[in-house]
Amino acid sequence: MFTGEDLKQLLVVLLRNKLLILFVTGAGLFVGLLYSARQPAPEYAYDATAALSVAYGQNLGQIAGNIVILNYSEVAASRLVCDHAAGLLEGEGVTGEQIGRMISIDSGNNSYVLRITARSESPRLAILVVNAVAESFISQVTAVTGSKTIQVLDPARTAEAVARGGNSIRLLAPAVAFIMICGLLVAVELIMGKARSIKQCLTDEGELLAIIPRVRRK
């Protein structure tokens, strides 16, 4: 079982070998940069988001609003809505099944705002898809409930680029190197089994087995 003295000594060991730790971590960073430089440029996808107001009724409470938003989230991602959106985008070469894989739904912290996001390798297609899904969602809910309270608050006008892979190794390699060298130093210190306190030199009856000598470092 570790004591405060054990942890303090392990910290001293790490500080004593800080130059070695810095060197190994730097070597890991160099390897990560070298590996990343030899990889192809990262691919990019584009996210476009539309925000919708889904307030339903004047006296709807917070809990009821959450229930409504969950139901609406399922509707927005349904095959019916996606197929209808594909029909609105006839000529763009996307199917309802593809649209279903492209979109994600988020209610955020506001119980009455629904955000639909579409991701595509084409920023233009991402914008077209998310706006078509929003329009399809409104029309389908209106057809079922007869309510016209759902509105588009903010249609997608731009798409944000999102890098996919390619750079994570730059941070992963030095992190792994740092953890490995620290772990090795700690393991060596523990295997050596040095006594670090008076308590470690006492028997269960309190008898002193040995005295820890004080070593003056030059």
N, C-alpha and C. Protein backbone atom coordinates (compact mmCIF):
# COMPACT_ATOMS: atom_id res chain seq x y z
N MET A 1 0.85 -1.21 0.00
CA MET A 1 0.00 0.00 0.00
C MET A 1 0.88 1.25 0.00
N PHE A 2 0.57 2.18 -0.88
CA PHE A 2 1.36 3.40 -0.98
C PHE A 2 1.03 4.33 0.18
N THR A 3 2.08 4.97 0.66
CA THR A 3 1.93 6.00 1.69
C THR A 3 2.29 7.34 1.08
N GLY A 4 2.07 8.39 1.87
CA GLY A 4 2.45 9.71 1.38
C GLY A 4 3.94 9.80 1.12
N GLU A 5 4.74 9.12 1.94
CA GLU A 5 6.19 9.12 1.77
C GLU A 5 6.58 8.44 0.46
N ASP A 6 5.86 7.35 0.12
CA ASP A 6 6.13 6.64 -1.14
C ASP A 6 5.87 7.55 -2.33
N LEU A 7 4.74 8.19 -2.32
CA LEU A 7 4.38 9.07 -3.44
C LEU A 7 5.36 10.24 -3.55
N LYS A 8 5.77 10.77 -2.41
CA LYS A 8 6.72 11.87 -2.41
C LYS A 8 8.05 11.43 -3.02
N GLN A 9 8.49 10.21 -2.67
CA GLN A 9 9.76 9.71 -3.19
C GLN A 9 9.68 9.46 -4.69
N LEU A 10 8.53 8.93 -5.16
CA LEU A 10 8.37 8.69 -6.59
C LEU A 10 8.40 10.01 -7.36
N LEU A 11 7.79 11.03 -6.78
CA LEU A 11 7.82 12.35 -7.42
C LEU A 11 9.24 12.87 -7.48
N VAL A 12 10.02 12.65 -6.43
CA VAL A 12 11.42 13.07 -6.42
C VAL A 12 12.20 12.36 -7.52
N VAL A 13 11.91 11.07 -7.71
CA VAL A 13 12.58 10.29 -8.75
C VAL A 13 12.28 10.87 -10.13
N LEU A 14 11.03 11.21 -10.36
CA LEU A 14 10.64 11.78 -11.65
C LEU A 14 11.31 13.14 -11.88
N LEU A 15 11.34 13.97 -10.84
CA LEU A 15 11.98 15.28 -10.97
C LEU A 15 13.48 15.14 -11.18
N ARG A 16 14.07 14.15 -10.55
CA ARG A 16 15.50 13.93 -10.68
C ARG A 16 15.86 13.52 -12.12
N ASN A 17 14.91 12.88 -12.79
CA ASN A 17 15.15 12.41 -14.16
C ASN A 17 14.38 13.25 -15.18
N LYS A 18 14.14 14.51 -14.86
CA LYS A 18 13.34 15.36 -15.73
C LYS A 18 13.97 15.54 -17.11
N LEU A 19 15.31 15.60 -17.18
CA LEU A 19 15.95 15.76 -18.48
C LEU A 19 15.73 14.53 -19.35
N LEU A 20 15.81 13.35 -18.75
CA LEU A 20 15.55 12.12 -19.50
C LEU A 20 14.10 12.08 -19.97
N ILE A 21 13.19 12.51 -19.10
CA ILE A 21 11.77 12.52 -19.46
C ILE A 21 11.52 13.49 -20.62
N LEU A 22 12.14 14.67 -20.54
CA LEU A 22 11.98 15.65 -21.62
C LEU A 22 12.57 15.13 -22.92
N PHE A 23 13.70 14.45 -22.84
CA PHE A 23 14.34 13.93 -24.04
C PHE A 23 13.46 12.86 -24.71
N VAL A 24 12.95 11.92 -23.90
CA VAL A 24 12.12 10.85 -24.47
C VAL A 24 10.81 11.41 -25.02
N THR A 25 10.21 12.37 -24.31
CA THR A 25 8.98 12.99 -24.80
C THR A 25 9.23 13.75 -26.10
N GLY A 26 10.35 14.46 -26.16
CA GLY A 26 10.71 15.17 -27.40
C GLY A 26 10.94 14.20 -28.54
N ALA A 27 11.56 13.05 -28.23
CA ALA A 27 11.77 12.04 -29.27
C ALA A 27 10.43 11.52 -29.78
N GLY A 28 9.47 11.34 -28.86
CA GLY A 28 8.14 10.92 -29.26
C GLY A 28 7.47 11.94 -30.15
N LEU A 29 7.63 13.23 -29.81
CA LEU A 29 7.07 14.29 -30.65
C LEU A 29 7.69 14.29 -32.02
N PHE A 30 9.02 14.09 -32.09
CA PHE A 30 9.70 14.05 -33.38
C PHE A 30 9.18 12.89 -34.24
N VAL A 31 9.01 11.73 -33.60
CA VAL A 31 8.48 10.58 -34.34
C VAL A 31 7.07 10.86 -34.85
N GLY A 32 6.24 11.50 -33.99
CA GLY A 32 4.88 11.83 -34.42
C GLY A 32 4.85 12.79 -35.58
N LEU A 33 5.71 13.82 -35.53
CA LEU A 33 5.78 14.79 -36.63
C LEU A 33 6.29 14.13 -37.91
N LEU A 34 7.29 13.26 -37.76
CA LEU A 34 7.84 12.57 -38.93
C LEU A 34 6.80 11.67 -39.56
N TYR A 35 6.05 10.95 -38.71
CA TYR A 35 5.01 10.05 -39.22
C TYR A 35 3.91 10.85 -39.93
N SER A 36 3.48 11.98 -39.31
CA SER A 36 2.41 12.79 -39.89
C SER A 36 2.84 13.40 -41.22
N ALA A 37 4.12 13.78 -41.31
CA ALA A 37 4.61 14.40 -42.54
C ALA A 37 4.58 13.43 -43.71
N ARG A 38 4.69 12.14 -43.42
CA ARG A 38 4.72 11.14 -44.48
C ARG A 38 3.33 10.64 -44.84
N GLN A 39 2.32 11.10 -44.10
CA GLN A 39 0.95 10.69 -44.38
C GLN A 39 0.30 11.67 -45.35
N PRO A 40 -0.69 11.21 -46.10
CA PRO A 40 -1.41 12.13 -46.99
C PRO A 40 -2.14 13.21 -46.21
N ALA A 41 -2.40 14.31 -46.85
CA ALA A 41 -3.09 15.42 -46.19
C ALA A 41 -4.44 14.95 -45.64
N PRO A 42 -4.84 15.45 -44.47
CA PRO A 42 -6.10 15.01 -43.89
C PRO A 42 -7.29 15.35 -44.77
N GLU A 43 -8.28 14.44 -44.79
CA GLU A 43 -9.49 14.68 -45.55
C GLU A 43 -10.42 15.57 -44.73
N TYR A 44 -11.28 16.26 -45.44
CA TYR A 44 -12.20 17.16 -44.76
C TYR A 44 -13.65 16.81 -45.12
N ALA A 45 -14.49 16.91 -44.11
CA ALA A 45 -15.93 16.83 -44.33
C ALA A 45 -16.51 18.20 -43.97
N TYR A 46 -17.76 18.41 -44.30
CA TYR A 46 -18.38 19.72 -44.04
C TYR A 46 -19.71 19.51 -43.32
N ASP A 47 -19.88 20.27 -42.24
CA ASP A 47 -21.12 20.22 -41.45
C ASP A 47 -21.95 21.47 -41.70
N ALA A 48 -23.23 21.27 -42.00
CA ALA A 48 -24.17 22.37 -42.13
C ALA A 48 -25.31 22.13 -41.16
N THR A 49 -25.73 23.18 -40.43
CA THR A 49 -26.73 23.02 -39.38
C THR A 49 -27.89 23.98 -39.58
N ALA A 50 -29.10 23.47 -39.38
CA ALA A 50 -30.31 24.30 -39.41
C ALA A 50 -30.99 24.19 -38.05
N ALA A 51 -31.49 25.31 -37.53
CA ALA A 51 -32.16 25.35 -36.23
C ALA A 51 -33.66 25.54 -36.44
N LEU A 52 -34.47 24.75 -35.72
CA LEU A 52 -35.92 24.82 -35.85
C LEU A 52 -36.55 25.07 -34.49
N SER A 53 -37.62 25.84 -34.48
CA SER A 53 -38.42 26.04 -33.28
C SER A 53 -39.52 24.99 -33.28
N VAL A 54 -39.58 24.20 -32.20
CA VAL A 54 -40.58 23.13 -32.14
C VAL A 54 -41.52 23.32 -30.96
N ALA A 55 -41.71 24.56 -30.49
CA ALA A 55 -42.66 24.83 -29.40
C ALA A 55 -44.04 24.37 -29.84
N TYR A 56 -44.72 23.60 -28.99
CA TYR A 56 -46.02 23.04 -29.37
C TYR A 56 -47.03 23.38 -28.28
N GLY A 57 -47.83 24.41 -28.48
CA GLY A 57 -48.82 24.79 -27.49
C GLY A 57 -48.31 25.89 -26.57
N GLN A 58 -49.21 26.64 -25.98
CA GLN A 58 -48.83 27.77 -25.14
C GLN A 58 -48.56 27.36 -23.70
N ASN A 59 -49.13 26.28 -23.20
CA ASN A 59 -49.03 25.91 -21.79
C ASN A 59 -48.14 24.69 -21.58
N LEU A 60 -47.23 24.43 -22.48
CA LEU A 60 -46.37 23.25 -22.41
C LEU A 60 -45.27 23.49 -21.38
N GLY A 61 -45.15 22.60 -20.42
CA GLY A 61 -44.12 22.73 -19.40
C GLY A 61 -42.78 22.20 -19.88
N GLN A 62 -41.77 22.35 -19.00
CA GLN A 62 -40.41 21.93 -19.34
C GLN A 62 -40.33 20.43 -19.57
N ILE A 63 -40.94 19.64 -18.68
CA ILE A 63 -40.87 18.18 -18.83
C ILE A 63 -41.59 17.74 -20.09
N ALA A 64 -42.78 18.29 -20.29
CA ALA A 64 -43.51 17.95 -21.51
C ALA A 64 -42.74 18.37 -22.74
N GLY A 65 -42.06 19.52 -22.63
CA GLY A 65 -41.26 19.99 -23.76
C GLY A 65 -40.15 19.01 -24.10
N ASN A 66 -39.52 18.43 -23.07
CA ASN A 66 -38.46 17.46 -23.31
C ASN A 66 -39.01 16.22 -23.98
N ILE A 67 -40.20 15.80 -23.57
CA ILE A 67 -40.81 14.62 -24.18
C ILE A 67 -41.10 14.89 -25.64
N VAL A 68 -41.63 16.08 -25.92
CA VAL A 68 -41.92 16.45 -27.30
C VAL A 68 -40.65 16.46 -28.14
N ILE A 69 -39.58 17.01 -27.59
CA ILE A 69 -38.34 17.12 -28.35
C ILE A 69 -37.77 15.74 -28.67
N LEU A 70 -37.93 14.80 -27.74
CA LEU A 70 -37.45 13.45 -28.01
C LEU A 70 -38.24 12.82 -29.14
N ASN A 71 -39.55 13.01 -29.10
CA ASN A 71 -40.37 12.46 -30.18
C ASN A 71 -40.03 13.12 -31.51
N TYR A 72 -39.85 14.44 -31.48
CA TYR A 72 -39.52 15.16 -32.70
C TYR A 72 -38.15 14.72 -33.23
N SER A 73 -37.21 14.43 -32.33
CA SER A 73 -35.89 13.98 -32.77
C SER A 73 -36.00 12.68 -33.56
N GLU A 74 -36.86 11.79 -33.10
CA GLU A 74 -37.06 10.54 -33.80
C GLU A 74 -37.71 10.77 -35.15
N VAL A 75 -38.66 11.69 -35.19
CA VAL A 75 -39.34 11.99 -36.45
C VAL A 75 -38.37 12.59 -37.46
N ALA A 76 -37.53 13.53 -36.99
CA ALA A 76 -36.61 14.22 -37.91
C ALA A 76 -35.62 13.26 -38.56
N ALA A 77 -35.26 12.18 -37.85
CA ALA A 77 -34.30 11.22 -38.39
C ALA A 77 -34.98 10.01 -39.00
N SER A 78 -36.29 10.05 -39.13
CA SER A 78 -37.04 8.89 -39.62
C SER A 78 -36.83 8.69 -41.12
N ARG A 79 -37.09 7.47 -41.56
CA ARG A 79 -36.95 7.13 -42.97
C ARG A 79 -37.95 7.92 -43.83
N LEU A 80 -39.14 8.17 -43.28
CA LEU A 80 -40.15 8.92 -44.02
C LEU A 80 -39.66 10.33 -44.34
N VAL A 81 -39.10 11.01 -43.35
CA VAL A 81 -38.59 12.37 -43.55
C VAL A 81 -37.41 12.35 -44.51
N CYS A 82 -36.50 11.40 -44.35
CA CYS A 82 -35.32 11.34 -45.22
C CYS A 82 -35.70 11.03 -46.67
N ASP A 83 -36.67 10.13 -46.86
CA ASP A 83 -37.10 9.81 -48.22
C ASP A 83 -37.77 11.03 -48.87
N HIS A 84 -38.56 11.75 -48.08
CA HIS A 84 -39.21 12.95 -48.61
C HIS A 84 -38.17 14.02 -48.95
N ALA A 85 -37.14 14.14 -48.10
CA ALA A 85 -36.07 15.10 -48.39
C ALA A 85 -35.32 14.72 -49.66
N ALA A 86 -35.12 13.42 -49.89
CA ALA A 86 -34.46 12.96 -51.12
C ALA A 86 -35.28 13.35 -52.34
N GLY A 87 -36.62 13.29 -52.18
CA GLY A 87 -37.48 13.71 -53.28
C GLY A 87 -37.35 15.20 -53.57
N LEU A 88 -37.17 16.00 -52.52
CA LEU A 88 -36.97 17.44 -52.71
C LEU A 88 -35.65 17.73 -53.40
N LEU A 89 -34.70 16.82 -53.23
CA LEU A 89 -33.37 17.00 -53.83
C LEU A 89 -33.19 16.15 -55.09
N GLU A 90 -34.27 15.88 -55.75
CA GLU A 90 -34.19 15.07 -56.97
C GLU A 90 -33.23 15.73 -57.97
N GLY A 91 -32.30 14.96 -58.45
CA GLY A 91 -31.28 15.48 -59.35
C GLY A 91 -29.94 15.65 -58.67
N GLU A 92 -29.89 15.59 -57.33
CA GLU A 92 -28.63 15.70 -56.60
C GLU A 92 -27.96 14.34 -56.38
N GLY A 93 -28.68 13.27 -56.70
CA GLY A 93 -28.09 11.94 -56.62
C GLY A 93 -27.95 11.38 -55.22
N VAL A 94 -28.83 11.78 -54.29
CA VAL A 94 -28.79 11.23 -52.93
C VAL A 94 -30.10 10.52 -52.64
N THR A 95 -30.02 9.42 -51.92
CA THR A 95 -31.20 8.65 -51.55
C THR A 95 -31.58 8.94 -50.10
N GLY A 96 -32.77 8.51 -49.72
CA GLY A 96 -33.20 8.69 -48.35
C GLY A 96 -32.30 7.96 -47.37
N GLU A 97 -31.82 6.77 -47.77
CA GLU A 97 -30.92 6.01 -46.90
C GLU A 97 -29.61 6.75 -46.68
N GLN A 98 -29.08 7.36 -47.74
CA GLN A 98 -27.84 8.13 -47.62
C GLN A 98 -28.05 9.36 -46.74
N ILE A 99 -29.18 10.02 -46.91
CA ILE A 99 -29.47 11.19 -46.09
C ILE A 99 -29.57 10.81 -44.62
N GLY A 100 -30.16 9.65 -44.34
CA GLY A 100 -30.27 9.18 -42.96
C GLY A 100 -28.92 9.01 -42.30
N ARG A 101 -27.91 8.60 -43.09
CA ARG A 101 -26.56 8.45 -42.54
C ARG A 101 -25.83 9.77 -42.43
N MET A 102 -26.27 10.77 -43.16
CA MET A 102 -25.60 12.07 -43.18
C MET A 102 -26.03 12.98 -42.03
N ILE A 103 -27.24 12.81 -41.52
CA ILE A 103 -27.77 13.78 -40.57
C ILE A 103 -27.63 13.30 -39.12
N SER A 104 -27.60 14.28 -38.22
CA SER A 104 -27.65 14.03 -36.77
C SER A 104 -28.55 15.08 -36.16
N ILE A 105 -29.20 14.72 -35.04
CA ILE A 105 -30.18 15.59 -34.40
C ILE A 105 -29.71 15.95 -33.01
N ASP A 106 -29.86 17.22 -32.63
CA ASP A 106 -29.44 17.67 -31.30
C ASP A 106 -30.44 18.69 -30.78
N SER A 107 -30.94 18.44 -29.56
CA SER A 107 -31.88 19.38 -28.95
C SER A 107 -31.16 20.41 -28.10
N GLY A 108 -29.85 20.20 -27.80
CA GLY A 108 -29.08 21.15 -27.02
C GLY A 108 -29.66 21.35 -25.63
N ASN A 109 -29.49 22.54 -25.08
CA ASN A 109 -30.00 22.86 -23.74
C ASN A 109 -31.37 23.52 -23.78
N ASN A 110 -31.85 23.82 -24.97
CA ASN A 110 -33.14 24.48 -25.11
C ASN A 110 -34.18 23.44 -25.53
N SER A 111 -35.18 23.25 -24.70
CA SER A 111 -36.17 22.21 -24.95
C SER A 111 -37.00 22.47 -26.20
N TYR A 112 -36.97 23.68 -26.71
CA TYR A 112 -37.84 24.00 -27.83
C TYR A 112 -37.07 24.35 -29.10
N VAL A 113 -35.78 24.05 -29.12
CA VAL A 113 -34.99 24.28 -30.33
C VAL A 113 -34.37 22.96 -30.76
N LEU A 114 -34.60 22.61 -32.00
CA LEU A 114 -34.06 21.38 -32.57
C LEU A 114 -33.04 21.76 -33.64
N ARG A 115 -31.85 21.17 -33.53
CA ARG A 115 -30.80 21.45 -34.52
C ARG A 115 -30.53 20.19 -35.33
N ILE A 116 -30.60 20.35 -36.63
CA ILE A 116 -30.34 19.24 -37.55
C ILE A 116 -29.03 19.55 -38.27
N THR A 117 -28.12 18.61 -38.26
CA THR A 117 -26.82 18.78 -38.91
C THR A 117 -26.63 17.72 -39.98
N ALA A 118 -26.15 18.13 -41.12
CA ALA A 118 -25.83 17.20 -42.20
C ALA A 118 -24.34 17.29 -42.49
N ARG A 119 -23.69 16.14 -42.66
CA ARG A 119 -22.26 16.10 -42.96
C ARG A 119 -22.05 15.48 -44.33
N SER A 120 -21.21 16.14 -45.12
CA SER A 120 -20.93 15.67 -46.47
C SER A 120 -19.54 16.12 -46.89
N GLU A 121 -18.97 15.45 -47.88
CA GLU A 121 -17.68 15.88 -48.42
C GLU A 121 -17.84 17.13 -49.27
N SER A 122 -19.08 17.45 -49.63
CA SER A 122 -19.36 18.66 -50.40
C SER A 122 -20.11 19.66 -49.51
N PRO A 123 -19.57 20.86 -49.31
CA PRO A 123 -20.27 21.84 -48.48
C PRO A 123 -21.63 22.22 -49.07
N ARG A 124 -21.70 22.29 -50.39
CA ARG A 124 -22.97 22.61 -51.04
C ARG A 124 -24.02 21.55 -50.76
N LEU A 125 -23.63 20.27 -50.85
CA LEU A 125 -24.58 19.19 -50.62
C LEU A 125 -25.01 19.15 -49.16
N ALA A 126 -24.09 19.43 -48.23
CA ALA A 126 -24.44 19.44 -46.81
C ALA A 126 -25.52 20.48 -46.53
N ILE A 127 -25.39 21.66 -47.13
CA ILE A 127 -26.37 22.73 -46.94
C ILE A 127 -27.71 22.35 -47.55
N LEU A 128 -27.68 21.80 -48.76
CA LEU A 128 -28.92 21.41 -49.43
C LEU A 128 -29.64 20.32 -48.64
N VAL A 129 -28.90 19.34 -48.16
CA VAL A 129 -29.51 18.21 -47.45
C VAL A 129 -30.15 18.67 -46.15
N VAL A 130 -29.43 19.46 -45.34
CA VAL A 130 -29.99 19.82 -44.04
C VAL A 130 -31.22 20.72 -44.20
N ASN A 131 -31.22 21.60 -45.18
CA ASN A 131 -32.39 22.44 -45.40
C ASN A 131 -33.56 21.63 -45.94
N ALA A 132 -33.27 20.64 -46.77
CA ALA A 132 -34.34 19.78 -47.29
C ALA A 132 -34.93 18.92 -46.18
N VAL A 133 -34.08 18.42 -45.28
CA VAL A 133 -34.59 17.63 -44.14
C VAL A 133 -35.44 18.50 -43.23
N ALA A 134 -35.02 19.74 -42.99
CA ALA A 134 -35.80 20.65 -42.15
C ALA A 134 -37.17 20.90 -42.78
N GLU A 135 -37.18 21.15 -44.09
CA GLU A 135 -38.46 21.39 -44.78
C GLU A 135 -39.34 20.15 -44.76
N SER A 136 -38.71 19.00 -44.98
CA SER A 136 -39.47 17.74 -44.97
C SER A 136 -40.03 17.45 -43.58
N PHE A 137 -39.22 17.69 -42.56
CA PHE A 137 -39.65 17.46 -41.18
C PHE A 137 -40.88 18.30 -40.85
N ILE A 138 -40.83 19.57 -41.20
CA ILE A 138 -41.96 20.47 -40.91
C ILE A 138 -43.21 20.00 -41.63
N SER A 139 -43.07 19.64 -42.89
CA SER A 139 -44.25 19.23 -43.66
C SER A 139 -44.84 17.94 -43.13
N GLN A 140 -43.99 16.99 -42.71
CA GLN A 140 -44.50 15.72 -42.20
C GLN A 140 -45.19 15.89 -40.86
N VAL A 141 -44.60 16.69 -39.95
CA VAL A 141 -45.23 16.92 -38.65
C VAL A 141 -46.53 17.69 -38.81
N THR A 142 -46.56 18.66 -39.71
CA THR A 142 -47.78 19.43 -39.96
C THR A 142 -48.88 18.53 -40.50
N ALA A 143 -48.51 17.60 -41.38
CA ALA A 143 -49.49 16.69 -41.96
C ALA A 143 -50.09 15.76 -40.91
N VAL A 144 -49.27 15.37 -39.92
CA VAL A 144 -49.74 14.43 -38.90
C VAL A 144 -50.52 15.14 -37.79
N THR A 145 -49.99 16.28 -37.31
CA THR A 145 -50.59 16.95 -36.15
C THR A 145 -51.53 18.09 -36.52
N GLY A 146 -51.40 18.61 -37.73
CA GLY A 146 -52.20 19.77 -38.13
C GLY A 146 -51.67 21.06 -37.56
N SER A 147 -50.58 21.00 -36.79
CA SER A 147 -50.01 22.19 -36.17
C SER A 147 -49.03 22.88 -37.13
N LYS A 148 -49.06 24.20 -37.11
CA LYS A 148 -48.15 24.97 -37.94
C LYS A 148 -47.21 25.82 -37.08
N THR A 149 -47.00 25.37 -35.83
CA THR A 149 -46.15 26.15 -34.92
C THR A 149 -44.67 25.90 -35.16
N ILE A 150 -44.32 24.82 -35.84
CA ILE A 150 -42.91 24.53 -36.09
C ILE A 150 -42.40 25.42 -37.22
N GLN A 151 -41.28 26.07 -36.95
CA GLN A 151 -40.71 26.99 -37.93
C GLN A 151 -39.19 26.83 -37.97
N VAL A 152 -38.62 27.21 -39.11
CA VAL A 152 -37.17 27.24 -39.23
C VAL A 152 -36.67 28.55 -38.66
N LEU A 153 -35.88 28.47 -37.60
CA LEU A 153 -35.32 29.68 -37.00
C LEU A 153 -34.12 30.17 -37.79
N ASP A 154 -33.29 29.24 -38.19
CA ASP A 154 -32.03 29.61 -38.86
C ASP A 154 -31.66 28.54 -39.88
N PRO A 155 -32.02 28.73 -41.14
CA PRO A 155 -31.63 27.74 -42.15
C PRO A 155 -30.12 27.73 -42.37
N ALA A 156 -29.61 26.62 -42.83
CA ALA A 156 -28.17 26.52 -43.09
C ALA A 156 -27.80 27.39 -44.29
N ARG A 157 -26.79 28.22 -44.11
CA ARG A 157 -26.30 29.07 -45.20
C ARG A 157 -24.84 28.76 -45.53
N THR A 158 -24.12 28.27 -44.54
CA THR A 158 -22.71 27.92 -44.75
C THR A 158 -22.46 26.55 -44.14
N ALA A 159 -21.31 25.98 -44.48
CA ALA A 159 -20.90 24.68 -43.94
C ALA A 159 -19.51 24.82 -43.34
N GLU A 160 -19.30 24.19 -42.21
CA GLU A 160 -18.03 24.27 -41.50
C GLU A 160 -17.17 23.05 -41.81
N ALA A 161 -15.91 23.30 -42.15
CA ALA A 161 -14.99 22.20 -42.47
C ALA A 161 -14.58 21.48 -41.20
N VAL A 162 -14.57 20.15 -41.26
CA VAL A 162 -14.17 19.30 -40.14
C VAL A 162 -13.11 18.33 -40.63
N ALA A 163 -11.90 18.41 -40.06
CA ALA A 163 -10.82 17.50 -40.45
C ALA A 163 -11.11 16.10 -39.95
N ARG A 164 -10.78 15.12 -40.77
CA ARG A 164 -11.00 13.72 -40.40
C ARG A 164 -9.67 12.99 -40.39
N GLY A 165 -9.07 12.83 -39.19
CA GLY A 165 -7.83 12.07 -39.04
C GLY A 165 -6.63 12.83 -39.54
N GLY A 166 -5.44 12.20 -39.42
CA GLY A 166 -4.22 12.76 -39.99
C GLY A 166 -3.33 13.47 -39.00
N ASN A 167 -3.87 14.07 -37.93
CA ASN A 167 -3.04 14.86 -37.02
C ASN A 167 -2.99 14.32 -35.60
N SER A 168 -3.84 13.37 -35.27
CA SER A 168 -3.90 12.89 -33.90
C SER A 168 -2.60 12.24 -33.45
N ILE A 169 -1.87 11.64 -34.39
CA ILE A 169 -0.62 10.96 -34.03
C ILE A 169 0.41 11.95 -33.50
N ARG A 170 0.33 13.21 -33.88
CA ARG A 170 1.28 14.22 -33.41
C ARG A 170 1.19 14.41 -31.90
N LEU A 171 0.00 14.30 -31.36
CA LEU A 171 -0.18 14.43 -29.91
C LEU A 171 -0.09 13.08 -29.22
N LEU A 172 -0.49 12.04 -29.92
CA LEU A 172 -0.51 10.72 -29.30
C LEU A 172 0.90 10.20 -29.04
N ALA A 173 1.82 10.38 -30.00
CA ALA A 173 3.17 9.83 -29.86
C ALA A 173 3.92 10.41 -28.66
N PRO A 174 3.99 11.74 -28.48
CA PRO A 174 4.70 12.26 -27.30
C PRO A 174 3.99 11.90 -25.99
N ALA A 175 2.66 11.81 -26.01
CA ALA A 175 1.94 11.43 -24.80
C ALA A 175 2.28 10.00 -24.39
N VAL A 176 2.33 9.10 -25.39
CA VAL A 176 2.68 7.71 -25.10
C VAL A 176 4.12 7.62 -24.60
N ALA A 177 5.03 8.38 -25.22
CA ALA A 177 6.43 8.36 -24.80
C ALA A 177 6.57 8.87 -23.37
N PHE A 178 5.86 9.93 -23.03
CA PHE A 178 5.91 10.49 -21.67
C PHE A 178 5.42 9.48 -20.63
N ILE A 179 4.29 8.85 -20.93
CA ILE A 179 3.71 7.88 -19.99
C ILE A 179 4.63 6.68 -19.83
N MET A 180 5.23 6.22 -20.93
CA MET A 180 6.09 5.05 -20.87
C MET A 180 7.35 5.30 -20.05
N ILE A 181 8.01 6.45 -20.27
CA ILE A 181 9.25 6.71 -19.53
C ILE A 181 8.97 6.94 -18.05
N CYS A 182 7.87 7.63 -17.74
CA CYS A 182 7.52 7.83 -16.33
C CYS A 182 7.17 6.50 -15.67
N GLY A 183 6.43 5.67 -16.40
CA GLY A 183 6.08 4.36 -15.86
C GLY A 183 7.30 3.49 -15.63
N LEU A 184 8.26 3.58 -16.57
CA LEU A 184 9.50 2.79 -16.42
C LEU A 184 10.30 3.24 -15.21
N LEU A 185 10.45 4.54 -15.03
CA LEU A 185 11.19 5.06 -13.88
C LEU A 185 10.53 4.67 -12.56
N VAL A 186 9.22 4.76 -12.51
CA VAL A 186 8.51 4.39 -11.29
C VAL A 186 8.65 2.89 -11.02
N ALA A 187 8.54 2.08 -12.09
CA ALA A 187 8.67 0.63 -11.93
C ALA A 187 10.04 0.24 -11.41
N VAL A 188 11.07 0.86 -11.95
CA VAL A 188 12.44 0.57 -11.50
C VAL A 188 12.60 0.94 -10.03
N GLU A 189 12.05 2.07 -9.64
CA GLU A 189 12.15 2.52 -8.25
C GLU A 189 11.44 1.54 -7.31
N LEU A 190 10.28 1.05 -7.74
CA LEU A 190 9.53 0.12 -6.91
C LEU A 190 10.21 -1.24 -6.82
N ILE A 191 10.79 -1.69 -7.94
CA ILE A 191 11.46 -3.00 -7.95
C ILE A 191 12.69 -2.99 -7.05
N MET A 192 13.36 -1.85 -6.98
CA MET A 192 14.55 -1.76 -6.13
C MET A 192 14.20 -1.94 -4.66
N GLY A 193 12.97 -1.60 -4.28
CA GLY A 193 12.48 -1.86 -2.92
C GLY A 193 13.23 -1.14 -1.83
N LYS A 194 13.63 0.07 -2.06
CA LYS A 194 14.35 0.82 -1.03
C LYS A 194 13.40 1.24 0.10
N ALA A 195 13.93 1.21 1.29
CA ALA A 195 13.18 1.73 2.43
C ALA A 195 13.26 3.26 2.40
N ARG A 196 12.11 3.90 2.59
CA ARG A 196 12.07 5.35 2.46
C ARG A 196 11.64 6.04 3.75
N SER A 197 11.24 5.27 4.74
CA SER A 197 10.81 5.89 5.99
C SER A 197 11.09 4.96 7.16
N ILE A 198 11.04 5.49 8.36
CA ILE A 198 11.27 4.70 9.58
C ILE A 198 10.20 3.61 9.70
N LYS A 199 8.95 3.93 9.32
CA LYS A 199 7.86 2.96 9.45
C LYS A 199 8.14 1.69 8.66
N GLN A 200 8.83 1.82 7.52
CA GLN A 200 9.13 0.65 6.71
C GLN A 200 10.22 -0.22 7.34
N CYS A 201 10.87 0.24 8.38
CA CYS A 201 11.92 -0.52 9.07
C CYS A 201 11.43 -1.10 10.39
N LEU A 202 10.14 -1.01 10.65
CA LEU A 202 9.58 -1.51 11.89
C LEU A 202 8.81 -2.81 11.66
N THR A 203 8.86 -3.72 12.62
CA THR A 203 8.05 -4.93 12.58
C THR A 203 6.64 -4.58 13.03
N ASP A 204 5.75 -5.59 12.97
CA ASP A 204 4.38 -5.36 13.42
C ASP A 204 4.33 -5.03 14.90
N GLU A 205 5.35 -5.50 15.66
CA GLU A 205 5.39 -5.22 17.09
C GLU A 205 6.07 -3.89 17.40
N GLY A 206 6.54 -3.19 16.33
CA GLY A 206 7.18 -1.91 16.55
C GLY A 206 8.66 -1.97 16.77
N GLU A 207 9.28 -3.13 16.59
CA GLU A 207 10.72 -3.25 16.76
C GLU A 207 11.44 -2.72 15.53
N LEU A 208 12.53 -2.03 15.76
CA LEU A 208 13.32 -1.44 14.69
C LEU A 208 14.26 -2.50 14.09
N LEU A 209 14.13 -2.71 12.78
CA LEU A 209 14.97 -3.69 12.09
C LEU A 209 16.27 -3.08 11.59
N ALA A 210 16.20 -1.86 11.16
CA ALA A 210 17.39 -1.22 10.59
C ALA A 210 17.23 0.28 10.67
N ILE A 211 18.31 0.95 10.42
CA ILE A 211 18.31 2.41 10.41
C ILE A 211 18.61 2.87 9.00
N ILE A 212 17.82 3.80 8.50
CA ILE A 212 18.04 4.32 7.16
C ILE A 212 19.21 5.29 7.19
N PRO A 213 20.26 4.99 6.48
CA PRO A 213 21.41 5.92 6.47
C PRO A 213 21.10 7.15 5.64
N ARG A 214 21.64 8.28 6.01
CA ARG A 214 21.50 9.50 5.24
C ARG A 214 22.70 9.60 4.29
N VAL A 215 22.39 9.64 3.00
CA VAL A 215 23.45 9.68 1.99
C VAL A 215 23.50 11.07 1.43
N ARG A 216 24.67 11.67 1.54
CA ARG A 216 24.85 13.02 1.02
C ARG A 216 25.32 12.93 -0.44
N ARG A 217 24.51 13.53 -1.32
CA ARG A 217 24.86 13.50 -2.73
C ARG A 217 25.92 14.55 -3.06
N LYS A 218 26.85 14.15 -3.92
CA LYS A 218 27.90 15.07 -4.33
C LYS A 218 27.45 15.90 -5.52
